[in-house]
PDB file of N, CA and C in Angstrom:
ATOM      1  N   MET A   1      12.789  13.368 -19.665  1.00  0.00           N
ATOM      2  CA  MET A   1      12.980  12.030 -19.058  1.00  0.00           C
ATOM      3  C   MET A   1      12.600  12.333 -17.897  1.00  0.00           C
ATOM      4  N   ALA A   2      11.388  11.241 -17.761  1.00  0.00           N
ATOM      5  CA  ALA A   2      11.219  10.736 -16.220  1.00  0.00           C
ATOM      6  C   ALA A   2      12.500  10.661 -15.358  1.00  0.00           C
ATOM      7  N   ARG A   3      12.472  10.979 -14.242  1.00  0.00           N
ATOM      8  CA  ARG A   3      13.325  10.969 -12.874  1.00  0.00           C
ATOM      9  C   ARG A   3      12.705   9.381 -12.412  1.00  0.00           C
ATOM     10  N   SER A   4      13.992   8.573 -11.897  1.00  0.00           N
ATOM     11  CA  SER A   4      13.348   7.800 -11.179  1.00  0.00           C
ATOM     12  C   SER A   4      13.944   7.843  -9.473  1.00  0.00           C
ATOM     13  N   VAL A   5      13.137   7.012  -9.060  1.00  0.00           N
ATOM     14  CA  VAL A   5      13.209   7.395  -7.377  1.00  0.00           C
ATOM     15  C   VAL A   5      13.063   5.737  -7.167  1.00  0.00           C
ATOM     16  N   PRO A   6      14.024   5.493  -5.660  1.00  0.00           N
ATOM     17  CA  PRO A   6      13.506   4.094  -5.007  1.00  0.00           C
ATOM     18  C   PRO A   6      12.402   4.036  -4.106  1.00  0.00           C
ATOM     19  N   PHE A   7      11.735   2.762  -4.288  1.00  0.00           N
ATOM     20  CA  PHE A   7      10.258   3.118  -3.492  1.00  0.00           C
ATOM     21  C   PHE A   7      10.680   3.409  -1.799  1.00  0.00           C
ATOM     22  N   THR A   8      10.828   3.883  -1.076  1.00  0.00           N
ATOM     23  CA  THR A   8      11.106   3.963  -0.028  1.00  0.00           C
ATOM     24  C   THR A   8      10.718   5.470   0.498  1.00  0.00           C
ATOM     25  N   GLY A   9      10.872   5.581   2.027  1.00  0.00           N
ATOM     26  CA  GLY A   9      11.022   7.028   2.274  1.00  0.00           C
ATOM     27  C   GLY A   9       9.162   7.608   1.839  1.00  0.00           C
ATOM     28  N   GLU A  10       9.417   8.603   1.521  1.00  0.00           N
ATOM     29  CA  GLU A  10       8.489   9.479   1.267  1.00  0.00           C
ATOM     30  C   GLU A  10       7.427   8.981   0.247  1.00  0.00           C
ATOM     31  N   HIS A  11       7.639   7.822  -0.721  1.00  0.00           N
ATOM     32  CA  HIS A  11       6.898   7.480  -1.733  1.00  0.00           C
ATOM     33  C   HIS A  11       6.008   6.063  -0.941  1.00  0.00           C
ATOM     34  N   LEU A  12       7.401   5.315   0.092  1.00  0.00           N
ATOM     35  CA  LEU A  12       6.597   4.274   0.518  1.00  0.00           C
ATOM     36  C   LEU A  12       5.631   4.646   1.630  1.00  0.00           C
ATOM     37  N   ALA A  13       5.916   6.060   2.479  1.00  0.00           N
ATOM     38  CA  ALA A  13       4.962   6.219   3.360  1.00  0.00           C
ATOM     39  C   ALA A  13       3.779   6.805   2.812  1.00  0.00           C
ATOM     40  N   ARG A  14       4.005   7.221   1.336  1.00  0.00           N
ATOM     41  CA  ARG A  14       2.659   8.392   0.893  1.00  0.00           C
ATOM     42  C   ARG A  14       1.463   6.713   0.139  1.00  0.00           C
ATOM     43  N   PHE A  15       2.803   5.933  -0.121  1.00  0.00           N
ATOM     44  CA  PHE A  15       1.060   4.236  -0.275  1.00  0.00           C
ATOM     45  C   PHE A  15       1.235   3.909   0.582  1.00  0.00           C
ATOM     46  N   LEU A  16       1.632   3.489   1.673  1.00  0.00           N
ATOM     47  CA  LEU A  16       0.999   3.004   2.639  1.00  0.00           C
ATOM     48  C   LEU A  16      -0.475   4.160   3.456  1.00  0.00           C
ATOM     49  N   ALA A  17      -0.118   5.155   3.481  1.00  0.00           N
ATOM     50  CA  ALA A  17      -1.160   6.128   3.705  1.00  0.00           C
ATOM     51  C   ALA A  17      -2.582   5.586   2.901  1.00  0.00           C
ATOM     52  N   GLY A  18      -1.822   5.809   1.332  1.00  0.00           N
ATOM     53  CA  GLY A  18      -3.741   5.828   0.249  1.00  0.00           C
ATOM     54  C   GLY A  18      -3.836   4.220   0.593  1.00  0.00           C
ATOM     55  N   GLN A  19      -2.948   3.061   1.033  1.00  0.00           N
ATOM     56  CA  GLN A  19      -4.058   1.982   1.017  1.00  0.00           C
ATOM     57  C   GLN A  19      -4.771   2.140   2.030  1.00  0.00           C
ATOM     58  N   LYS A  20      -4.589   2.581   3.671  1.00  0.00           N
ATOM     59  CA  LYS A  20      -5.830   2.640   4.886  1.00  0.00           C
ATOM     60  C   LYS A  20      -6.749   4.112   4.154  1.00  0.00           C
ATOM     61  N   ARG A  21      -6.588   5.263   2.964  1.00  0.00           N
ATOM     62  CA  ARG A  21      -7.419   5.529   2.220  1.00  0.00           C
ATOM     63  C   ARG A  21      -8.433   4.828   1.136  1.00  0.00           C
ATOM     64  N   TRP A  22      -8.077   3.803   1.021  1.00  0.00           N
ATOM     65  CA  TRP A  22      -9.326   3.086   0.176  1.00  0.00           C
ATOM     66  C   TRP A  22     -10.679   3.132   0.755  1.00  0.00           C
ATOM     67  N   ASN A  23     -11.045   2.929   2.339  1.00  0.00           N
ATOM     68  CA  ASN A  23     -11.972   2.406   2.805  1.00  0.00           C
ATOM     69  C   ASN A  23     -12.440   4.021   3.269  1.00  0.00           C
ATOM     70  N   ASP A  24     -11.933   5.263   3.043  1.00  0.00           N
ATOM     71  CA  ASP A  24     -12.441   6.256   3.569  1.00  0.00           C
ATOM     72  C   ASP A  24     -13.412   6.305   1.851  1.00  0.00           C
ATOM     73  N   ALA A  25     -12.444   6.466   1.096  1.00  0.00           N
ATOM     74  CA  ALA A  25     -12.926   6.325  -0.234  1.00  0.00           C
ATOM     75  C   ALA A  25     -14.295   5.835  -0.715  1.00  0.00           C
ATOM     76  N   ARG A  26     -13.995   4.164   0.088  1.00  0.00           N
ATOM     77  CA  ARG A  26     -15.434   3.695  -0.256  1.00  0.00           C
ATOM     78  C   ARG A  26     -16.585   4.430   0.593  1.00  0.00           C
ATOM     79  N   GLU A  27     -16.047   4.835   1.603  1.00  0.00           N
ATOM     80  CA  GLU A  27     -17.192   5.514   2.397  1.00  0.00           C
ATOM     81  C   GLU A  27     -18.141   6.346   1.848  1.00  0.00           C
ATOM     82  N   TRP A  28     -16.981   7.758   1.549  1.00  0.00           N
ATOM     83  CA  TRP A  28     -16.902   8.843   0.761  1.00  0.00           C
ATOM     84  C   TRP A  28     -18.234   8.647  -0.468  1.00  0.00           C
ATOM     85  N   ARG A  29     -17.174   7.747  -1.573  1.00  0.00           N
ATOM     86  CA  ARG A  29     -18.547   7.918  -2.716  1.00  0.00           C
ATOM     87  C   ARG A  29     -19.417   7.016  -2.593  1.00  0.00           C
ATOM     88  N   ALA A  30     -19.931   6.193  -1.663  1.00  0.00           N
ATOM     89  CA  ALA A  30     -21.454   5.583  -1.095  1.00  0.00           C
ATOM     90  C   ALA A  30     -22.331   6.944  -0.622  1.00  0.00           C
ATOM     91  N   ARG A  31     -21.831   7.971   0.300  1.00  0.00           N
ATOM     92  CA  ARG A  31     -22.723   8.578   0.628  1.00  0.00           C
ATOM     93  C   ARG A  31     -22.480  10.010  -0.446  1.00  0.00           C
ATOM     94  N   GLN A  32     -21.387   9.662  -1.734  1.00  0.00           N
ATOM     95  CA  GLN A  32     -22.460  10.813  -2.916  1.00  0.00           C
ATOM     96  C   GLN A  32     -23.092  10.115  -3.502  1.00  0.00           C
ATOM     97  N   THR A  33     -22.741   9.212  -3.424  1.00  0.00           N
ATOM     98  CA  THR A  33     -23.791   8.565  -4.813  1.00  0.00           C
ATOM     99  C   THR A  33     -25.079   8.329  -4.215  1.00  0.00           C
ATOM    100  N   GLU A  34     -25.648   8.449  -2.310  1.00  0.00           N
ATOM    101  CA  GLU A  34     -26.808   8.539  -1.768  1.00  0.00           C
ATOM    102  C   GLU A  34     -26.914   9.757  -2.030  1.00  0.00           C
ATOM    103  N   ALA A  35     -25.968  10.868  -1.952  1.00  0.00           N
ATOM    104  CA  ALA A  35     -27.118  12.029  -2.441  1.00  0.00           C
ATOM    105  C   ALA A  35     -27.166  13.126  -3.322  1.00  0.00           C
ATOM    106  N   GLY A  36     -26.950  11.576  -4.349  1.00  0.00           N
ATOM    107  CA  GLY A  36     -27.164  12.147  -5.828  1.00  0.00           C
ATOM    108  C   GLY A  36     -25.752  12.945  -6.493  1.00  0.00           C
ATOM    109  N   ARG A  37     -24.816  12.846  -6.054  1.00  0.00           N
ATOM    110  CA  ARG A  37     -23.635  13.671  -6.548  1.00  0.00           C
ATOM    111  C   ARG A  37     -22.745  13.095  -7.471  1.00  0.00           C
ATOM    112  N   PRO A  38     -21.427  13.503  -8.218  1.00  0.00           N
ATOM    113  CA  PRO A  38     -20.290  12.532  -8.629  1.00  0.00           C
ATOM    114  C   PRO A  38     -19.607  11.697  -7.706  1.00  0.00           C
ATOM    115  N   SER A  39     -19.489  10.439  -7.849  1.00  0.00           N
ATOM    116  CA  SER A  39     -18.793   9.673  -7.023  1.00  0.00           C
ATOM    117  C   SER A  39     -17.446   9.106  -7.542  1.00  0.00           C
ATOM    118  N   THR A  40     -16.899   9.396  -8.608  1.00  0.00           N
ATOM    119  CA  THR A  40     -16.135   8.250  -9.133  1.00  0.00           C
ATOM    120  C   THR A  40     -14.889   8.235  -8.489  1.00  0.00           C
ATOM    121  N   TRP A  41     -13.641   7.692  -8.690  1.00  0.00           N
ATOM    122  CA  TRP A  41     -12.430   7.485  -8.246  1.00  0.00           C
ATOM    123  C   TRP A  41     -11.991   9.247  -8.099  1.00  0.00           C
ATOM    124  N   LEU A  42     -11.906   9.892  -9.284  1.00  0.00           N
ATOM    125  CA  LEU A  42     -11.918  10.952  -9.908  1.00  0.00           C
ATOM    126  C   LEU A  42     -12.483  11.824  -9.109  1.00  0.00           C
ATOM    127  N   ASP A  43     -13.973  12.098  -8.553  1.00  0.00           N
ATOM    128  CA  ASP A  43     -14.628  12.449  -7.951  1.00  0.00           C
ATOM    129  C   ASP A  43     -13.641  12.932  -6.524  1.00  0.00           C
ATOM    130  N   PHE A  44     -13.242  11.476  -5.957  1.00  0.00           N
ATOM    131  CA  PHE A  44     -12.808  11.641  -4.960  1.00  0.00           C
ATOM    132  C   PHE A  44     -11.568  12.424  -4.714  1.00  0.00           C
ATOM    133  N   CYS A  45     -10.795  12.191  -5.467  1.00  0.00           N
ATOM    134  CA  CYS A  45      -9.454  12.850  -5.545  1.00  0.00           C
ATOM    135  C   CYS A  45      -9.208  14.027  -6.029  1.00  0.00           C
ATOM    136  N   ARG A  46      -9.944  14.639  -6.465  1.00  0.00           N
ATOM    137  CA  ARG A  46     -10.120  16.062  -6.893  1.00  0.00           C
ATOM    138  C   ARG A  46     -10.772  16.531  -5.075  1.00  0.00           C
ATOM    139  N   SER A  47     -11.313  16.101  -5.163  1.00  0.00           N
ATOM    140  CA  SER A  47     -12.633  16.477  -3.261  1.00  0.00           C
ATOM    141  C   SER A  47     -11.217  16.526  -2.650  1.00  0.00           C
ATOM    142  N   HIS A  48     -10.086  15.521  -2.097  1.00  0.00           N
ATOM    143  CA  HIS A  48      -9.543  15.278  -1.118  1.00  0.00           C
ATOM    144  C   HIS A  48      -7.989  15.504  -1.616  1.00  0.00           C
ATOM    145  N   GLY A  49      -7.924  16.535  -3.374  1.00  0.00           N
ATOM    146  CA  GLY A  49      -6.379  17.565  -3.193  1.00  0.00           C
ATOM    147  C   GLY A  49      -5.340  15.746  -3.884  1.00  0.00           C
ATOM    148  N   ILE A  50      -5.524  15.139  -3.756  1.00  0.00           N
ATOM    149  CA  ILE A  50      -4.684  14.026  -4.092  1.00  0.00           C
ATOM    150  C   ILE A  50      -4.209  13.560  -5.397  1.00  0.00           C
ATOM    151  N   CYS A  51      -3.466  13.493  -6.244  1.00  0.00           N
ATOM    152  CA  CYS A  51      -3.193  12.953  -7.564  1.00  0.00           C
ATOM    153  C   CYS A  51      -3.767  11.369  -7.833  1.00  0.00           C
ATOM    154  N   ALA A  52      -4.926  11.709  -9.139  1.00  0.00           N
ATOM    155  CA  ALA A  52      -5.348  10.306  -9.344  1.00  0.00           C
ATOM    156  C   ALA A  52      -4.706   9.698 -10.538  1.00  0.00           C
ATOM    157  N   ALA A  53      -3.524   9.712 -10.706  1.00  0.00           N
ATOM    158  CA  ALA A  53      -2.798   9.421 -11.803  1.00  0.00           C
ATOM    159  C   ALA A  53      -1.718   8.711 -10.902  1.00  0.00           C
ATOM    160  N   CYS A  54      -1.360   8.756  -9.782  1.00  0.00           N
ATOM    161  CA  CYS A  54      -0.287   7.591  -8.750  1.00  0.00           C
ATOM    162  C   CYS A  54      -0.982   7.456  -8.110  1.00  0.00           C
ATOM    163  N   ALA A  55      -2.041   7.612  -8.000  1.00  0.00           N
ATOM    164  CA  ALA A  55      -2.849   6.970  -6.177  1.00  0.00           C
ATOM    165  C   ALA A  55      -2.269   7.814  -5.317  1.00  0.00           C
ATOM    166  N   ALA A  56      -1.720   9.277  -5.719  1.00  0.00           N
ATOM    167  CA  ALA A  56      -1.135   9.862  -4.474  1.00  0.00           C
ATOM    168  C   ALA A  56      -0.015   9.548  -3.892  1.00  0.00           C
ATOM    169  N   ALA A  57       1.159   7.863  -4.466  1.00  0.00           N
ATOM    170  CA  ALA A  57       2.474   7.974  -3.876  1.00  0.00           C
ATOM    171  C   ALA A  57       3.409   8.629  -4.930  1.00  0.00           C
ATOM    172  N   GLY A  58       3.149   9.307  -5.514  1.00  0.00           N
ATOM    173  CA  GLY A  58       4.454   9.854  -6.361  1.00  0.00           C
ATOM    174  C   GLY A  58       4.821   9.496  -7.232  1.00  0.00           C
ATOM    175  N   VAL A  59       4.535   8.022  -7.467  1.00  0.00           N
ATOM    176  CA  VAL A  59       5.327   6.970  -8.309  1.00  0.00           C
ATOM    177  C   VAL A  59       4.412   6.448  -9.482  1.00  0.00           C
ATOM    178  N   ALA A  60       4.647   6.201 -10.976  1.00  0.00           N
ATOM    179  CA  ALA A  60       3.857   6.536 -11.738  1.00  0.00           C
ATOM    180  C   ALA A  60       3.459   4.627 -11.722  1.00  0.00           C
ATOM    181  N   LEU A  61       2.363   4.790 -12.178  1.00  0.00           N
ATOM    182  CA  LEU A  61       1.158   3.546 -11.845  1.00  0.00           C
ATOM    183  C   LEU A  61       1.530   2.781 -13.681  1.00  0.00           C
ATOM    184  N   ASN A  62       2.163   1.306 -13.601  1.00  0.00           N
ATOM    185  CA  ASN A  62       2.083   0.774 -14.692  1.00  0.00           C
ATOM    186  C   ASN A  62       1.299   1.224 -15.799  1.00  0.00           C
ATOM    187  N   GLY A  63       1.079   0.991 -16.623  1.00  0.00           N
ATOM    188  CA  GLY A  63      -0.120   1.468 -17.994  1.00  0.00           C
ATOM    189  C   GLY A  63      -0.981   0.119 -18.265  1.00  0.00           C
ATOM    190  N   ASN A  64      -1.192  -0.573 -17.302  1.00  0.00           N
ATOM    191  CA  ASN A  64      -2.465  -1.316 -17.081  1.00  0.00           C
ATOM    192  C   ASN A  64      -3.134  -1.126 -15.661  1.00  0.00           C
ATOM    193  N   GLY A  65      -2.594  -0.169 -14.492  1.00  0.00           N
ATOM    194  CA  GLY A  65      -2.952   0.231 -13.029  1.00  0.00           C
ATOM    195  C   GLY A  65      -2.104  -0.401 -12.229  1.00  0.00           C
ATOM    196  N   VAL A  66      -2.073  -1.275 -12.600  1.00  0.00           N
ATOM    197  CA  VAL A  66      -1.813  -2.491 -11.424  1.00  0.00           C
ATOM    198  C   VAL A  66       0.253  -2.170 -11.066  1.00  0.00           C
ATOM    199  N   GLY A  67       0.213  -1.830  -9.964  1.00  0.00           N
ATOM    200  CA  GLY A  67       1.827  -1.669 -10.031  1.00  0.00           C
ATOM    201  C   GLY A  67       2.431  -0.661 -10.271  1.00  0.00           C
ATOM    202  N   PHE A  68       3.568  -0.723 -10.472  1.00  0.00           N
ATOM    203  CA  PHE A  68       4.367   1.195 -10.716  1.00  0.00           C
ATOM    204  C   PHE A  68       5.158   0.373 -11.619  1.00  0.00           C
ATOM    205  N   LYS A  69       5.950   1.670 -12.566  1.00  0.00           N
ATOM    206  CA  LYS A  69       6.623   1.455 -13.655  1.00  0.00           C
ATOM    207  C   LYS A  69       8.536   1.252 -13.483  1.00  0.00           C
ATOM    208  N   THR A  70       9.060   0.371 -13.580  1.00  0.00           N
ATOM    209  CA  THR A  70      10.253   0.416 -12.772  1.00  0.00           C
ATOM    210  C   THR A  70      11.118   0.759 -14.087  1.00  0.00           C
ATOM    211  N   LEU A  71      12.214   1.547 -14.104  1.00  0.00           N
ATOM    212  CA  LEU A  71      13.283   2.019 -14.301  1.00  0.00           C
ATOM    213  C   LEU A  71      14.163   1.747 -14.949  1.00  0.00           C
ATOM    214  N   GLY A  72      14.683   0.854 -13.527  1.00  0.00           N
ATOM    215  CA  GLY A  72      15.783   0.239 -13.471  1.00  0.00           C
ATOM    216  C   GLY A  72      15.931   0.009 -12.090  1.00  0.00           C
ATOM    217  N   TRP A  73      17.661   0.086 -11.647  1.00  0.00           N
ATOM    218  CA  TRP A  73      18.044  -0.692 -10.261  1.00  0.00           C
ATOM    219  C   TRP A  73      19.227   0.154 -10.731  1.00  0.00           C
ATOM    220  N   SER A  74      19.328   0.235  -9.023  1.00  0.00           N
ATOM    221  CA  SER A  74      20.599   0.756  -8.088  1.00  0.00           C
ATOM    222  C   SER A  74      20.932  -0.381  -7.036  1.00  0.00           C
ATOM    223  N   ALA A  75      22.124  -1.141  -7.272  1.00  0.00           N
ATOM    224  CA  ALA A  75      22.699  -2.096  -6.526  1.00  0.00           C
ATOM    225  C   ALA A  75      21.406  -3.428  -6.188  1.00  0.00           C
ATOM    226  N   ASN A  76      20.388  -3.331  -5.630  1.00  0.00           N
ATOM    227  CA  ASN A  76      19.777  -4.483  -5.720  1.00  0.00           C
ATOM    228  C   ASN A  76      18.271  -3.845  -4.877  1.00  0.00           C
ATOM    229  N   LEU A  77      18.387  -2.068  -5.822  1.00  0.00           N
ATOM    230  CA  LEU A  77      16.793  -1.527  -4.718  1.00  0.00           C
ATOM    231  C   LEU A  77      16.367  -1.504  -6.184  1.00  0.00           C
ATOM    232  N   PRO A  78      15.249  -1.766  -7.113  1.00  0.00           N
ATOM    233  CA  PRO A  78      14.617  -1.208  -7.892  1.00  0.00           C
ATOM    234  C   PRO A  78      14.046   0.003  -7.679  1.00  0.00           C
ATOM    235  N   LEU A  79      14.241   0.551  -9.025  1.00  0.00           N
ATOM    236  CA  LEU A  79      14.044   1.947  -9.209  1.00  0.00           C
ATOM    237  C   LEU A  79      12.665   2.169  -9.646  1.00  0.00           C
ATOM    238  N   TYR A  80      12.054   3.226  -9.173  1.00  0.00           N
ATOM    239  CA  TYR A  80      10.788   3.796 -10.538  1.00  0.00           C
ATOM    240  C   TYR A  80      10.721   4.904 -10.769  1.00  0.00           C
ATOM    241  N   GLU A  81       9.577   4.941 -12.243  1.00  0.00           N
ATOM    242  CA  GLU A  81       9.082   6.387 -12.584  1.00  0.00           C
ATOM    243  C   GLU A  81       8.689   7.575 -11.349  1.00  0.00           C
ATOM    244  N   GLU A  82       9.058   8.230 -11.520  1.00  0.00           N
ATOM    245  CA  GLU A  82       8.373   9.615 -10.669  1.00  0.00           C
ATOM    246  C   GLU A  82       7.063   9.962 -11.264  1.00  0.00           C
ATOM    247  N   CYS A  83       6.297  10.335 -10.568  1.00  0.00           N
ATOM    248  CA  CYS A  83       4.798  10.451 -11.193  1.00  0.00           C
ATOM    249  C   CYS A  83       4.637  11.509 -12.208  1.00  0.00           C
ATOM    250  N   THR A  84       5.131  12.181 -13.121  1.00  0.00           N
ATOM    251  CA  THR A  84       5.010  13.327 -13.513  1.00  0.00           C
ATOM    252  C   THR A  84       3.584  14.119 -13.687  1.00  0.00           C
ATOM    253  N   ALA A  85       2.320  13.808 -13.420  1.00  0.00           N
ATOM    254  CA  ALA A  85       1.324  14.616 -13.096  1.00  0.00           C
ATOM    255  C   ALA A  85       1.115  15.511 -12.114  1.00  0.00           C
ATOM    256  N   CYS A  86       1.876  15.370 -10.654  1.00  0.00           N
ATOM    257  CA  CYS A  86       2.281  15.685  -9.514  1.00  0.00           C
ATOM    258  C   CYS A  86       3.780  16.330  -9.131  1.00  0.00           C
ATOM    259  N   GLY A  87       4.742  15.541  -9.445  1.00  0.00           N
ATOM    260  CA  GLY A  87       6.129  15.341  -9.585  1.00  0.00           C
ATOM    261  C   GLY A  87       6.353  15.079  -8.435  1.00  0.00           C
ATOM    262  N   GLY A  88       5.637  13.948  -7.967  1.00  0.00           N
ATOM    263  CA  GLY A  88       6.000  12.960  -7.580  1.00  0.00           C
ATOM    264  C   GLY A  88       5.266  13.222  -5.738  1.00  0.00           C
ATOM    265  N   THR A  89       4.464  14.543  -5.896  1.00  0.00           N
ATOM    266  CA  THR A  89       4.460  14.558  -4.591  1.00  0.00           C
ATOM    267  C   THR A  89       2.719  14.117  -3.955  1.00  0.00           C
ATOM    268  N   GLY A  90       2.714  13.214  -5.198  1.00  0.00           N
ATOM    269  CA  GLY A  90       1.334  12.741  -4.823  1.00  0.00           C
ATOM    270  C   GLY A  90      -0.255  13.567  -4.435  1.00  0.00           C
ATOM    271  N   LYS A  91       0.295  14.732  -4.567  1.00  0.00           N
ATOM    272  CA  LYS A  91      -0.821  16.229  -4.168  1.00  0.00           C
ATOM    273  C   LYS A  91      -1.187  16.350  -5.985  1.00  0.00           C
ATOM    274  N   VAL A  92      -2.085  16.781  -6.010  1.00  0.00           N
ATOM    275  CA  VAL A  92      -2.938  17.438  -7.113  1.00  0.00           C
ATOM    276  C   VAL A  92      -2.190  18.712  -7.545  1.00  0.00           C
ATOM    277  N   VAL A  93      -1.486  19.195  -8.892  1.00  0.00           N
ATOM    278  CA  VAL A  93      -0.881  20.459  -9.139  1.00  0.00           C
ATOM    279  C   VAL A  93      -1.794  21.145 -10.032  1.00  0.00           C
ATOM    280  N   THR A  94      -1.953  22.705  -9.218  1.00  0.00           N
ATOM    281  CA  THR A  94      -2.318  23.659 -10.209  1.00  0.00           C
ATOM    282  C   THR A  94      -1.465  24.434 -10.681  1.00  0.00           C
ATOM    283  N   PRO A  95      -1.784  24.452 -12.314  1.00  0.00           N
ATOM    284  CA  PRO A  95      -1.239  25.373 -12.946  1.00  0.00           C
ATOM    285  C   PRO A  95      -1.203  26.803 -12.227  1.00  0.00           C
ATOM    286  N   SER A  96      -0.047  27.549 -12.046  1.00  0.00           N
ATOM    287  CA  SER A  96      -0.453  29.218 -11.851  1.00  0.00           C
ATOM    288  C   SER A  96      -0.246  29.685 -12.902  1.00  0.00           C
TER     289      SER A  96
END
């Protein structure tokens, strides 16, 4: 079963950092395209070591890719599903 986490602290910080990363990604993808190299969002994520499954937030995205999967509530705070692809780290996990 997936672990539920509040969208505060480290998860919120990663999400906000990811919002700033969109411009970097756009510029990187344009440079890659001009050079004739692969330039998809997945390529950007692999190149920068971030988890594409959760957009580096560490929280699982909804099935439609918009917003995050809510699992329940703790008092008045929603709890979200931790990303199983990266274990909530927001970084690419390489099998050892």
